[in-house]
Amino acid sequence: MDKKQKLLDLIDKAGKGSIEAAEKIAVGYYKGDYGEKNLTKAKKWASYAAKHGSEVAEELMGKL
């Protein structure tokens, strides 16, 4: 599975309420796993996941 398809699958899961998927998206954008780093999108997804109890996303928000 290529990076774009993996991202689309994660976005689909996050849209259905998967906080783990939202975390993975945030971290992926932060690290540049889906192309160039995109800190704006990383912050958007991390914020969403953090609001729903993700400790990983809370840590990432501290770095953004």
N, C-alpha and C. Protein backbone atom coordinates (compact mmCIF):
# COMPACT_ATOMS: atom_id res chain seq x y z
N MET A 1 0.85 -1.18 0.00
CA MET A 1 0.00 0.00 0.00
C MET A 1 0.89 1.25 0.00
N ASP A 2 0.62 2.18 -0.90
CA ASP A 2 1.45 3.37 -0.95
C ASP A 2 1.05 4.36 0.15
N LYS A 3 1.89 5.38 0.31
CA LYS A 3 1.69 6.34 1.39
C LYS A 3 0.36 7.06 1.29
N LYS A 4 -0.01 7.45 0.06
CA LYS A 4 -1.26 8.19 -0.12
C LYS A 4 -2.46 7.32 0.27
N GLN A 5 -2.45 6.06 -0.15
CA GLN A 5 -3.56 5.17 0.18
C GLN A 5 -3.63 4.92 1.69
N LYS A 6 -2.46 4.76 2.31
CA LYS A 6 -2.42 4.55 3.75
C LYS A 6 -3.02 5.76 4.48
N LEU A 7 -2.66 6.95 4.01
CA LEU A 7 -3.19 8.17 4.61
C LEU A 7 -4.71 8.23 4.44
N LEU A 8 -5.18 7.93 3.24
CA LEU A 8 -6.63 7.96 2.98
C LEU A 8 -7.37 6.97 3.87
N ASP A 9 -6.79 5.80 4.06
CA ASP A 9 -7.40 4.80 4.95
C ASP A 9 -7.46 5.30 6.39
N LEU A 10 -6.39 5.94 6.85
CA LEU A 10 -6.36 6.48 8.21
C LEU A 10 -7.38 7.60 8.37
N ILE A 11 -7.50 8.46 7.36
CA ILE A 11 -8.47 9.56 7.42
C ILE A 11 -9.89 8.98 7.50
N ASP A 12 -10.14 7.94 6.73
CA ASP A 12 -11.45 7.28 6.77
C ASP A 12 -11.74 6.74 8.17
N LYS A 13 -10.75 6.07 8.76
CA LYS A 13 -10.94 5.52 10.11
C LYS A 13 -11.13 6.63 11.14
N ALA A 14 -10.34 7.70 11.01
CA ALA A 14 -10.47 8.82 11.94
C ALA A 14 -11.85 9.47 11.82
N GLY A 15 -12.33 9.55 10.60
CA GLY A 15 -13.66 10.11 10.36
C GLY A 15 -14.77 9.28 11.01
N LYS A 16 -14.47 8.01 11.21
CA LYS A 16 -15.44 7.11 11.86
C LYS A 16 -15.22 7.04 13.36
N GLY A 17 -14.31 7.89 13.87
CA GLY A 17 -14.13 7.99 15.31
C GLY A 17 -12.88 7.34 15.89
N SER A 18 -11.98 6.85 15.04
CA SER A 18 -10.77 6.22 15.56
C SER A 18 -9.74 7.28 15.99
N ILE A 19 -9.56 7.38 17.29
CA ILE A 19 -8.59 8.33 17.82
C ILE A 19 -7.17 7.86 17.50
N GLU A 20 -6.96 6.55 17.51
CA GLU A 20 -5.65 6.00 17.16
C GLU A 20 -5.27 6.39 15.73
N ALA A 21 -6.21 6.35 14.82
CA ALA A 21 -5.95 6.75 13.44
C ALA A 21 -5.60 8.24 13.38
N ALA A 22 -6.32 9.05 14.12
CA ALA A 22 -6.04 10.49 14.15
C ALA A 22 -4.63 10.75 14.68
N GLU A 23 -4.23 10.00 15.70
CA GLU A 23 -2.86 10.11 16.24
C GLU A 23 -1.83 9.80 15.15
N LYS A 24 -2.06 8.71 14.44
CA LYS A 24 -1.12 8.29 13.40
C LYS A 24 -1.02 9.34 12.30
N ILE A 25 -2.14 9.94 11.94
CA ILE A 25 -2.12 11.00 10.93
C ILE A 25 -1.30 12.18 11.43
N ALA A 26 -1.55 12.60 12.66
CA ALA A 26 -0.84 13.75 13.24
C ALA A 26 0.66 13.49 13.27
N VAL A 27 1.06 12.33 13.76
CA VAL A 27 2.48 12.00 13.85
C VAL A 27 3.09 11.90 12.45
N GLY A 28 2.35 11.32 11.52
CA GLY A 28 2.83 11.19 10.15
C GLY A 28 3.08 12.53 9.50
N TYR A 29 2.16 13.46 9.67
CA TYR A 29 2.36 14.81 9.13
C TYR A 29 3.53 15.51 9.82
N TYR A 30 3.66 15.29 11.13
CA TYR A 30 4.75 15.91 11.89
C TYR A 30 6.11 15.41 11.40
N LYS A 31 6.21 14.12 11.14
CA LYS A 31 7.48 13.52 10.72
C LYS A 31 7.71 13.61 9.21
N GLY A 32 6.68 13.92 8.46
CA GLY A 32 6.81 13.96 7.01
C GLY A 32 6.64 12.60 6.35
N ASP A 33 5.92 11.71 7.00
CA ASP A 33 5.69 10.36 6.47
C ASP A 33 4.83 10.35 5.21
N TYR A 34 4.07 11.42 4.99
CA TYR A 34 3.16 11.47 3.84
C TYR A 34 3.64 12.48 2.80
N GLY A 35 4.94 12.65 2.72
CA GLY A 35 5.52 13.65 1.83
C GLY A 35 6.26 14.66 2.69
N GLU A 36 6.09 15.92 2.36
CA GLU A 36 6.73 16.96 3.17
C GLU A 36 6.05 17.07 4.53
N LYS A 37 6.82 17.53 5.51
CA LYS A 37 6.21 17.79 6.81
C LYS A 37 5.13 18.84 6.63
N ASN A 38 4.04 18.67 7.37
CA ASN A 38 2.96 19.65 7.33
C ASN A 38 2.50 19.87 8.76
N LEU A 39 3.11 20.87 9.40
CA LEU A 39 2.83 21.09 10.82
C LEU A 39 1.43 21.63 11.06
N THR A 40 0.86 22.31 10.08
CA THR A 40 -0.52 22.80 10.23
C THR A 40 -1.48 21.62 10.32
N LYS A 41 -1.32 20.66 9.40
CA LYS A 41 -2.19 19.48 9.42
C LYS A 41 -1.89 18.61 10.63
N ALA A 42 -0.63 18.53 11.03
CA ALA A 42 -0.26 17.76 12.22
C ALA A 42 -0.98 18.33 13.44
N LYS A 43 -0.99 19.64 13.54
CA LYS A 43 -1.63 20.29 14.68
C LYS A 43 -3.14 20.06 14.67
N LYS A 44 -3.75 20.12 13.48
CA LYS A 44 -5.20 19.89 13.35
C LYS A 44 -5.57 18.50 13.87
N TRP A 45 -4.86 17.48 13.39
CA TRP A 45 -5.18 16.11 13.77
C TRP A 45 -4.80 15.83 15.22
N ALA A 46 -3.68 16.38 15.68
CA ALA A 46 -3.27 16.18 17.08
C ALA A 46 -4.28 16.83 18.02
N SER A 47 -4.77 18.00 17.65
CA SER A 47 -5.76 18.68 18.47
C SER A 47 -7.02 17.84 18.60
N TYR A 48 -7.48 17.30 17.48
CA TYR A 48 -8.67 16.45 17.47
C TYR A 48 -8.47 15.24 18.39
N ALA A 49 -7.34 14.56 18.23
CA ALA A 49 -7.08 13.36 19.03
C ALA A 49 -6.91 13.70 20.51
N ALA A 50 -6.23 14.81 20.78
CA ALA A 50 -6.00 15.21 22.18
C ALA A 50 -7.33 15.52 22.87
N LYS A 51 -8.24 16.15 22.15
CA LYS A 51 -9.55 16.47 22.74
C LYS A 51 -10.32 15.21 23.10
N HIS A 52 -9.96 14.11 22.47
CA HIS A 52 -10.64 12.84 22.74
C HIS A 52 -9.81 11.90 23.61
N GLY A 53 -8.83 12.47 24.31
CA GLY A 53 -8.12 11.71 25.32
C GLY A 53 -6.79 11.10 24.93
N SER A 54 -6.26 11.43 23.77
CA SER A 54 -4.99 10.85 23.34
C SER A 54 -3.81 11.52 24.02
N GLU A 55 -3.06 10.74 24.77
CA GLU A 55 -1.86 11.26 25.42
C GLU A 55 -0.75 11.52 24.40
N VAL A 56 -0.66 10.64 23.40
CA VAL A 56 0.33 10.80 22.34
C VAL A 56 0.11 12.15 21.64
N ALA A 57 -1.13 12.44 21.33
CA ALA A 57 -1.46 13.69 20.65
C ALA A 57 -1.19 14.90 21.55
N GLU A 58 -1.44 14.76 22.83
CA GLU A 58 -1.15 15.85 23.76
C GLU A 58 0.33 16.17 23.78
N GLU A 59 1.15 15.12 23.78
CA GLU A 59 2.61 15.32 23.74
C GLU A 59 3.01 16.02 22.45
N LEU A 60 2.44 15.58 21.34
CA LEU A 60 2.76 16.18 20.05
C LEU A 60 2.34 17.65 20.02
N MET A 61 1.22 17.98 20.61
CA MET A 61 0.77 19.38 20.65
C MET A 61 1.79 20.25 21.36
N GLY A 62 2.45 19.68 22.36
CA GLY A 62 3.49 20.42 23.08
C GLY A 62 4.70 20.73 22.21
N LYS A 63 4.92 19.92 21.18
CA LYS A 63 6.04 20.14 20.27
C LYS A 63 5.69 21.08 19.13
N LEU A 64 4.40 21.26 18.92
CA LEU A 64 3.95 22.12 17.80
C LEU A 64 3.80 23.51 18.27
